[in-house]
Amino acid sequence: MSSPQCTAHFIGGPLDGHTADVTDWTVDEIATGVLHVVDSWTERADYEPEPGGDPLRWLYRGLHP
């Protein structure tokens, strides 16, 4: 039997409204968020959950070189 799909939601920034399948990620990996490459940008978009908030709601934190 497979695990139910687990989806993180990007809030704000260039990926607002997009989602990421994090079904096979660890709890720590999900809590860390991501530095996501955005097409045609030289910087990466930094997304992470609010401390103590919903770990699957990744908020835009700005650009990361």
N, C-alpha and C. Protein backbone atom coordinates (compact mmCIF):
# COMPACT_ATOMS: atom_id res chain seq x y z
N MET A 1 0.84 -1.17 0.00
CA MET A 1 0.00 0.00 0.00
C MET A 1 0.88 1.24 0.00
N SER A 2 0.59 2.21 -0.86
CA SER A 2 1.42 3.41 -0.93
C SER A 2 0.91 4.48 0.03
N SER A 3 1.79 5.42 0.34
CA SER A 3 1.44 6.53 1.23
C SER A 3 0.54 7.51 0.49
N PRO A 4 -0.34 8.20 1.23
CA PRO A 4 -1.14 9.23 0.57
C PRO A 4 -0.24 10.38 0.13
N GLN A 5 -0.61 11.03 -0.96
CA GLN A 5 0.20 12.12 -1.47
C GLN A 5 0.22 13.28 -0.48
N CYS A 6 1.38 13.87 -0.31
CA CYS A 6 1.59 15.01 0.57
C CYS A 6 2.06 16.17 -0.30
N THR A 7 1.36 17.29 -0.25
CA THR A 7 1.64 18.42 -1.15
C THR A 7 1.93 19.69 -0.37
N ALA A 8 3.05 20.34 -0.70
CA ALA A 8 3.37 21.65 -0.14
C ALA A 8 2.88 22.73 -1.10
N HIS A 9 2.44 23.86 -0.54
CA HIS A 9 1.88 24.95 -1.33
C HIS A 9 2.78 26.18 -1.24
N PHE A 10 3.16 26.74 -2.39
CA PHE A 10 3.96 27.95 -2.44
C PHE A 10 3.04 29.16 -2.28
N ILE A 11 3.38 30.05 -1.34
CA ILE A 11 2.57 31.23 -1.05
C ILE A 11 3.43 32.48 -1.31
N GLY A 12 2.98 33.34 -2.22
CA GLY A 12 3.70 34.57 -2.53
C GLY A 12 4.85 34.33 -3.51
N GLY A 13 5.47 35.41 -3.92
CA GLY A 13 6.62 35.33 -4.81
C GLY A 13 6.31 34.76 -6.18
N PRO A 14 7.36 34.39 -6.91
CA PRO A 14 7.18 33.96 -8.30
C PRO A 14 6.47 32.63 -8.48
N LEU A 15 6.41 31.81 -7.44
CA LEU A 15 5.77 30.49 -7.55
C LEU A 15 4.42 30.44 -6.84
N ASP A 16 3.86 31.61 -6.51
CA ASP A 16 2.59 31.67 -5.81
C ASP A 16 1.53 30.82 -6.51
N GLY A 17 0.88 29.96 -5.74
CA GLY A 17 -0.16 29.10 -6.29
C GLY A 17 0.33 27.75 -6.79
N HIS A 18 1.63 27.59 -6.94
CA HIS A 18 2.17 26.30 -7.36
C HIS A 18 2.25 25.35 -6.16
N THR A 19 2.44 24.08 -6.45
CA THR A 19 2.57 23.08 -5.40
C THR A 19 3.78 22.20 -5.68
N ALA A 20 4.19 21.47 -4.65
CA ALA A 20 5.30 20.51 -4.79
C ALA A 20 4.90 19.22 -4.09
N ASP A 21 5.11 18.10 -4.76
CA ASP A 21 4.84 16.79 -4.17
C ASP A 21 6.00 16.46 -3.22
N VAL A 22 5.71 16.40 -1.93
CA VAL A 22 6.74 16.11 -0.93
C VAL A 22 6.44 14.79 -0.21
N THR A 23 5.71 13.92 -0.88
CA THR A 23 5.29 12.64 -0.29
C THR A 23 6.45 11.84 0.27
N ASP A 24 7.56 11.79 -0.45
CA ASP A 24 8.70 10.97 -0.03
C ASP A 24 9.74 11.75 0.77
N TRP A 25 9.44 12.97 1.16
CA TRP A 25 10.38 13.79 1.93
C TRP A 25 10.25 13.46 3.42
N THR A 26 11.34 13.69 4.16
CA THR A 26 11.29 13.53 5.62
C THR A 26 10.63 14.77 6.23
N VAL A 27 10.23 14.64 7.48
CA VAL A 27 9.64 15.77 8.20
C VAL A 27 10.63 16.93 8.25
N ASP A 28 11.91 16.65 8.48
CA ASP A 28 12.93 17.70 8.53
C ASP A 28 13.11 18.38 7.18
N GLU A 29 13.08 17.61 6.10
CA GLU A 29 13.22 18.21 4.76
C GLU A 29 12.04 19.13 4.46
N ILE A 30 10.84 18.72 4.82
CA ILE A 30 9.66 19.56 4.59
C ILE A 30 9.76 20.83 5.42
N ALA A 31 10.18 20.73 6.67
CA ALA A 31 10.27 21.89 7.56
C ALA A 31 11.33 22.90 7.11
N THR A 32 12.30 22.44 6.33
CA THR A 32 13.37 23.32 5.84
C THR A 32 12.91 24.18 4.68
N GLY A 33 11.95 23.67 3.88
CA GLY A 33 11.52 24.40 2.68
C GLY A 33 12.49 24.18 1.54
N VAL A 34 12.50 25.12 0.58
CA VAL A 34 13.33 24.94 -0.60
C VAL A 34 13.92 26.26 -1.08
N LEU A 35 15.02 26.14 -1.81
CA LEU A 35 15.54 27.22 -2.65
C LEU A 35 15.23 26.76 -4.06
N HIS A 36 14.29 27.40 -4.71
CA HIS A 36 13.76 26.92 -5.98
C HIS A 36 14.29 27.77 -7.14
N VAL A 37 14.79 27.10 -8.17
CA VAL A 37 15.23 27.78 -9.39
C VAL A 37 14.00 28.25 -10.14
N VAL A 38 14.00 29.52 -10.54
CA VAL A 38 12.89 30.09 -11.30
C VAL A 38 13.40 30.37 -12.71
N ASP A 39 12.65 29.91 -13.71
CA ASP A 39 13.06 30.10 -15.11
C ASP A 39 13.43 31.55 -15.38
N SER A 40 14.55 31.74 -16.02
CA SER A 40 15.10 33.03 -16.46
C SER A 40 15.59 33.93 -15.32
N TRP A 41 15.67 33.44 -14.10
CA TRP A 41 16.22 34.20 -12.98
C TRP A 41 17.62 33.68 -12.68
N THR A 42 18.50 34.55 -12.22
CA THR A 42 19.83 34.10 -11.79
C THR A 42 19.83 33.74 -10.31
N GLU A 43 18.92 34.32 -9.53
CA GLU A 43 18.79 33.97 -8.12
C GLU A 43 17.77 32.85 -7.95
N ARG A 44 17.77 32.26 -6.78
CA ARG A 44 16.77 31.24 -6.45
C ARG A 44 15.73 31.86 -5.51
N ALA A 45 14.52 31.39 -5.59
CA ALA A 45 13.45 31.85 -4.71
C ALA A 45 13.47 31.01 -3.43
N ASP A 46 13.52 31.68 -2.29
CA ASP A 46 13.58 31.01 -0.99
C ASP A 46 12.17 30.86 -0.42
N TYR A 47 11.75 29.62 -0.17
CA TYR A 47 10.45 29.33 0.42
C TYR A 47 10.65 28.45 1.64
N GLU A 48 9.98 28.80 2.73
CA GLU A 48 10.01 27.95 3.92
C GLU A 48 8.76 28.19 4.75
N PRO A 49 8.38 27.22 5.57
CA PRO A 49 7.18 27.39 6.39
C PRO A 49 7.43 28.38 7.54
N GLU A 50 6.34 28.95 8.03
CA GLU A 50 6.39 29.82 9.21
C GLU A 50 6.71 28.94 10.41
N PRO A 51 7.69 29.35 11.25
CA PRO A 51 7.99 28.54 12.44
C PRO A 51 6.73 28.34 13.29
N GLY A 52 6.43 27.09 13.61
CA GLY A 52 5.25 26.77 14.40
C GLY A 52 3.96 26.74 13.59
N GLY A 53 4.05 27.05 12.29
CA GLY A 53 2.87 27.05 11.43
C GLY A 53 2.72 25.76 10.65
N ASP A 54 1.88 25.80 9.65
CA ASP A 54 1.63 24.64 8.80
C ASP A 54 2.89 24.34 7.99
N PRO A 55 3.51 23.16 8.17
CA PRO A 55 4.75 22.84 7.46
C PRO A 55 4.57 22.68 5.95
N LEU A 56 3.33 22.56 5.49
CA LEU A 56 3.07 22.40 4.06
C LEU A 56 2.66 23.71 3.40
N ARG A 57 2.77 24.80 4.11
CA ARG A 57 2.46 26.13 3.57
C ARG A 57 3.78 26.91 3.52
N TRP A 58 4.44 26.87 2.36
CA TRP A 58 5.76 27.48 2.21
C TRP A 58 5.62 28.93 1.76
N LEU A 59 6.11 29.83 2.58
CA LEU A 59 6.01 31.26 2.32
C LEU A 59 7.27 31.76 1.61
N TYR A 60 7.08 32.69 0.69
CA TYR A 60 8.19 33.30 -0.02
C TYR A 60 8.98 34.18 0.93
N ARG A 61 10.28 33.97 1.00
CA ARG A 61 11.16 34.72 1.91
C ARG A 61 12.09 35.66 1.18
N GLY A 62 12.06 35.64 -0.14
CA GLY A 62 12.93 36.53 -0.92
C GLY A 62 13.85 35.75 -1.83
N LEU A 63 14.80 36.48 -2.39
CA LEU A 63 15.75 35.88 -3.34
C LEU A 63 17.00 35.42 -2.60
N HIS A 64 17.59 34.39 -3.11
CA HIS A 64 18.82 33.84 -2.56
C HIS A 64 19.81 33.70 -3.73
N PRO A 65 20.99 34.29 -3.57
CA PRO A 65 21.97 34.23 -4.69
C PRO A 65 22.48 32.82 -4.96
